[in-house]
C-alpha atoms as a PDB file:
ATOM      1  CA  MET A   1     -35.991 -23.710 -10.043  1.00  0.00           C
ATOM      2  CA  ASN A   2     -37.411 -27.228  -9.988  1.00  0.00           C
ATOM      3  CA  ASN A   3     -34.168 -28.836 -11.129  1.00  0.00           C
ATOM      4  CA  ILE A   4     -31.951 -27.277  -8.436  1.00  0.00           C
ATOM      5  CA  GLN A   5     -30.562 -30.022  -6.242  1.00  0.00           C
ATOM      6  CA  LEU A   6     -28.867 -28.015  -3.494  1.00  0.00           C
ATOM      7  CA  THR A   7     -30.025 -25.164  -1.339  1.00  0.00           C
ATOM      8  CA  PRO A   8     -27.714 -22.842   0.557  1.00  0.00           C
ATOM      9  CA  LYS A   9     -28.711 -24.706   3.724  1.00  0.00           C
ATOM     10  CA  ASP A  10     -27.749 -28.080   2.159  1.00  0.00           C
ATOM     11  CA  ILE A  11     -24.300 -26.752   1.340  1.00  0.00           C
ATOM     12  CA  LEU A  12     -23.851 -25.228   4.773  1.00  0.00           C
ATOM     13  CA  GLU A  13     -24.822 -28.407   6.619  1.00  0.00           C
ATOM     14  CA  LYS A  14     -22.863 -30.842   4.419  1.00  0.00           C
ATOM     15  CA  THR A  15     -20.061 -32.626   6.252  1.00  0.00           C
ATOM     16  CA  PHE A  16     -17.306 -34.666   4.693  1.00  0.00           C
ATOM     17  CA  SER A  17     -15.294 -37.479   6.198  1.00  0.00           C
ATOM     18  CA  GLN A  18     -11.603 -36.788   6.670  1.00  0.00           C
ATOM     19  CA  LYS A  19      -8.860 -38.916   5.176  1.00  0.00           C
ATOM     20  CA  MET A  20      -5.172 -38.890   5.843  1.00  0.00           C
ATOM     21  CA  ARG A  21      -4.286 -37.043   2.620  1.00  0.00           C
ATOM     22  CA  GLY A  22      -7.488 -35.052   2.081  1.00  0.00           C
ATOM     23  CA  TYR A  23      -8.201 -31.409   1.391  1.00  0.00           C
ATOM     24  CA  ASP A  24      -7.706 -28.671   3.975  1.00  0.00           C
ATOM     25  CA  PRO A  25     -11.094 -28.448   5.759  1.00  0.00           C
ATOM     26  CA  ASN A  26     -10.735 -24.678   6.334  1.00  0.00           C
ATOM     27  CA  GLU A  27     -10.079 -24.072   2.653  1.00  0.00           C
ATOM     28  CA  VAL A  28     -13.076 -26.214   1.662  1.00  0.00           C
ATOM     29  CA  ASP A  29     -15.307 -24.426   4.191  1.00  0.00           C
ATOM     30  CA  THR A  30     -14.219 -21.017   2.904  1.00  0.00           C
ATOM     31  CA  PHE A  31     -14.937 -22.068  -0.674  1.00  0.00           C
ATOM     32  CA  LEU A  32     -18.346 -23.491   0.250  1.00  0.00           C
ATOM     33  CA  ASP A  33     -19.199 -20.268   2.106  1.00  0.00           C
ATOM     34  CA  GLY A  34     -18.653 -18.410  -1.165  1.00  0.00           C
ATOM     35  CA  ILE A  35     -20.891 -20.878  -2.988  1.00  0.00           C
ATOM     36  CA  ILE A  36     -23.597 -20.396  -0.351  1.00  0.00           C
ATOM     37  CA  LYS A  37     -23.495 -16.625  -0.844  1.00  0.00           C
ATOM     38  CA  ASP A  38     -23.768 -17.081  -4.607  1.00  0.00           C
ATOM     39  CA  TYR A  39     -26.729 -19.442  -4.219  1.00  0.00           C
ATOM     40  CA  GLN A  40     -28.488 -16.950  -1.969  1.00  0.00           C
ATOM     41  CA  ALA A  41     -27.814 -14.114  -4.411  1.00  0.00           C
ATOM     42  CA  PHE A  42     -29.106 -16.211  -7.336  1.00  0.00           C
ATOM     43  CA  GLU A  43     -32.179 -17.228  -5.384  1.00  0.00           C
ATOM     44  CA  ASN A  44     -32.910 -13.595  -4.442  1.00  0.00           C
ATOM     45  CA  ARG A  45     -32.434 -12.462  -8.034  1.00  0.00           C
ATOM     46  CA  ILE A  46     -34.703 -15.208  -9.394  1.00  0.00           C
ATOM     47  CA  ASN A  47     -37.420 -14.307  -6.892  1.00  0.00           C
ATOM     48  CA  SER A  48     -37.078 -10.625  -7.757  1.00  0.00           C
ATOM     49  CA  VAL A  49     -37.330 -11.285 -11.505  1.00  0.00           C
ATOM     50  CA  GLU A  50     -40.309 -13.612 -11.034  1.00  0.00           C
ATOM     51  CA  ASN A  51     -42.119 -10.959  -8.971  1.00  0.00           C
ATOM     52  CA  GLU A  52     -41.368  -8.288 -11.549  1.00  0.00           C
ATOM     53  CA  ASN A  53     -42.522 -10.608 -14.333  1.00  0.00           C
ATOM     54  CA  ASN A  54     -45.807 -11.288 -12.538  1.00  0.00           C
ATOM     55  CA  GLN A  55     -46.374  -7.560 -11.963  1.00  0.00           C
ATOM     56  CA  LEU A  56     -45.721  -6.808 -15.630  1.00  0.00           C
ATOM     57  CA  ARG A  57     -48.088  -9.561 -16.742  1.00  0.00           C
ATOM     58  CA  MET A  58     -50.817  -8.195 -14.473  1.00  0.00           C
ATOM     59  CA  GLU A  59     -50.195  -4.663 -15.784  1.00  0.00           C
ATOM     60  CA  LEU A  60     -50.362  -5.972 -19.359  1.00  0.00           C
ATOM     61  CA  GLN A  61     -53.653  -7.675 -18.581  1.00  0.00           C
ATOM     62  CA  ARG A  62     -54.998  -4.463 -17.044  1.00  0.00           C
ATOM     63  CA  LEU A  63     -53.934  -2.431 -20.088  1.00  0.00           C
ATOM     64  CA  ARG A  64     -55.417  -4.957 -22.497  1.00  0.00           C
ATOM     65  CA  GLN A  65     -58.711  -4.908 -20.637  1.00  0.00           C
ATOM     66  CA  ALA A  66     -58.706  -1.114 -20.577  1.00  0.00           C
ATOM     67  CA  SER A  67     -58.077  -0.960 -24.332  1.00  0.00           C
ATOM     68  CA  GLY A  68     -60.611  -3.682 -25.099  1.00  0.00           C
ATOM     69  CA  THR A  69     -58.048  -6.116 -26.514  1.00  0.00           C
ATOM     70  CA  VAL A  70     -58.905  -8.796 -23.961  1.00  0.00           C
ATOM     71  CA  ALA A  71     -62.419  -9.274 -22.698  1.00  0.00           C
ATOM     72  CA  PRO A  72     -62.729  -8.995 -18.902  1.00  0.00           C
ATOM     73  CA  GLU A  73     -63.704 -12.661 -18.594  1.00  0.00           C
ATOM     74  CA  GLN A  74     -60.388 -13.691 -20.199  1.00  0.00           C
ATOM     75  CA  ASN A  75     -58.181 -13.212 -17.198  1.00  0.00           C
ATOM     76  CA  VAL A  76     -54.485 -13.816 -17.638  1.00  0.00           C
ATOM     77  CA  SER A  77     -52.898 -15.757 -14.813  1.00  0.00           C
ATOM     78  CA  PRO A  78     -49.544 -14.660 -13.343  1.00  0.00           C
ATOM     79  CA  SER A  79     -47.886 -17.288 -15.529  1.00  0.00           C
ATOM     80  CA  GLY A  80     -49.196 -15.461 -18.596  1.00  0.00           C
ATOM     81  CA  TYR A  81     -51.700 -18.069 -19.756  1.00  0.00           C
ATOM     82  CA  PHE A  82     -55.417 -17.535 -20.067  1.00  0.00           C
ATOM     83  CA  ASN A  83     -57.393 -19.157 -17.288  1.00  0.00           C
ATOM     84  CA  ASP A  84     -60.386 -20.267 -19.318  1.00  0.00           C
ATOM     85  CA  SER A  85     -60.295 -23.003 -21.921  1.00  0.00           C
ATOM     86  CA  ASN A  86     -62.078 -20.883 -24.571  1.00  0.00           C
ATOM     87  CA  SER A  87     -59.462 -18.171 -24.610  1.00  0.00           C
ATOM     88  CA  ALA A  88     -58.456 -18.338 -28.260  1.00  0.00           C
ATOM     89  CA  PRO A  89     -59.660 -15.252 -30.148  1.00  0.00           C
ATOM     90  CA  SER A  90     -62.585 -15.907 -32.442  1.00  0.00           C
ATOM     91  CA  ASN A  91     -62.272 -15.527 -36.194  1.00  0.00           C
ATOM     92  CA  GLN A  92     -64.573 -12.496 -36.016  1.00  0.00           C
ATOM     93  CA  ASP A  93     -62.324 -10.829 -33.404  1.00  0.00           C
ATOM     94  CA  THR A  94     -59.285 -11.434 -35.606  1.00  0.00           C
ATOM     95  CA  LEU A  95     -61.013 -10.014 -38.687  1.00  0.00           C
ATOM     96  CA  GLY A  96     -62.182  -6.963 -36.753  1.00  0.00           C
ATOM     97  CA  ARG A  97     -58.682  -6.382 -35.422  1.00  0.00           C
ATOM     98  CA  THR A  98     -57.242  -6.756 -38.940  1.00  0.00           C
ATOM     99  CA  ARG A  99     -59.674  -4.151 -40.291  1.00  0.00           C
ATOM    100  CA  ILE A 100     -58.764  -1.732 -37.515  1.00  0.00           C
ATOM    101  CA  GLU A 101     -55.056  -2.301 -38.099  1.00  0.00           C
ATOM    102  CA  ASN A 102     -55.463  -1.682 -41.838  1.00  0.00           C
ATOM    103  CA  GLU A 103     -57.435   1.495 -41.174  1.00  0.00           C
ATOM    104  CA  LEU A 104     -54.725   2.708 -38.808  1.00  0.00           C
ATOM    105  CA  LEU A 105     -52.037   1.945 -41.393  1.00  0.00           C
ATOM    106  CA  LYS A 106     -53.941   3.973 -43.987  1.00  0.00           C
ATOM    107  CA  ARG A 107     -54.228   6.905 -41.595  1.00  0.00           C
ATOM    108  CA  VAL A 108     -50.535   6.797 -40.763  1.00  0.00           C
ATOM    109  CA  SER A 109     -49.689   6.618 -44.449  1.00  0.00           C
ATOM    110  CA  ASN A 110     -51.898   9.638 -45.191  1.00  0.00           C
ATOM    111  CA  LEU A 111     -50.318  11.595 -42.345  1.00  0.00           C
ATOM    112  CA  GLU A 112     -46.839  10.739 -43.613  1.00  0.00           C
ATOM    113  CA  GLN A 113     -47.779  11.939 -47.081  1.00  0.00           C
ATOM    114  CA  ARG A 114     -49.062  15.233 -45.655  1.00  0.00           C
ATOM    115  CA  VAL A 115     -46.031  15.762 -43.436  1.00  0.00           C
ATOM    116  CA  PHE A 116     -43.277  14.573 -45.749  1.00  0.00           C
ATOM    117  CA  GLY A 117     -44.931  15.115 -49.094  1.00  0.00           C
ATOM    118  CA  SER A 118     -45.212  12.438 -51.714  1.00  0.00           C
ATOM    119  CA  THR A 119     -43.503  12.149 -55.054  1.00  0.00           C
ATOM    120  CA  GLU A 120     -44.949   8.688 -55.618  1.00  0.00           C
ATOM    121  CA  GLY A 121     -48.413   7.574 -56.525  1.00  0.00           C
ATOM    122  CA  PRO A 122     -50.937   6.276 -54.009  1.00  0.00           C
ATOM    123  CA  SER A 123     -49.519   4.348 -51.114  1.00  0.00           C
ATOM    124  CA  SER A 124     -49.432   0.592 -51.406  1.00  0.00           C
ATOM    125  CA  ILE A 125     -51.407   0.480 -48.191  1.00  0.00           C
ATOM    126  CA  ASP A 126     -54.469   1.929 -49.993  1.00  0.00           C
ATOM    127  CA  ARG A 127     -55.081  -1.342 -51.770  1.00  0.00           C
ATOM    128  CA  TYR A 128     -56.106  -3.082 -48.529  1.00  0.00           C
END
């Protein structure tokens, strides 16, 4: 919203000089009233979406902390960025997460083979 030049109040308070062969002031005022209503509706919608976005980011942070994906000291700000400068995951964290993901893929593959049966050889996931 930083690049918006006019507010509903700016539009409402704008006055124009009248010329001999100008536009009908009542028609212009009616049109500008419609623009003001649109601006207010857009502004309300933007605020609503920003609030919802912030709530979802906070909920995501809470869920990540609860699941252990993000350490408690790595707080996510409402804008979605980590607050501390050392927020990048370490290589060890990434490797640990990769191992867990591979183990989960193997388990899912084994479950699928049990449920659906397998006419093929070992799953390609077993080679990880």
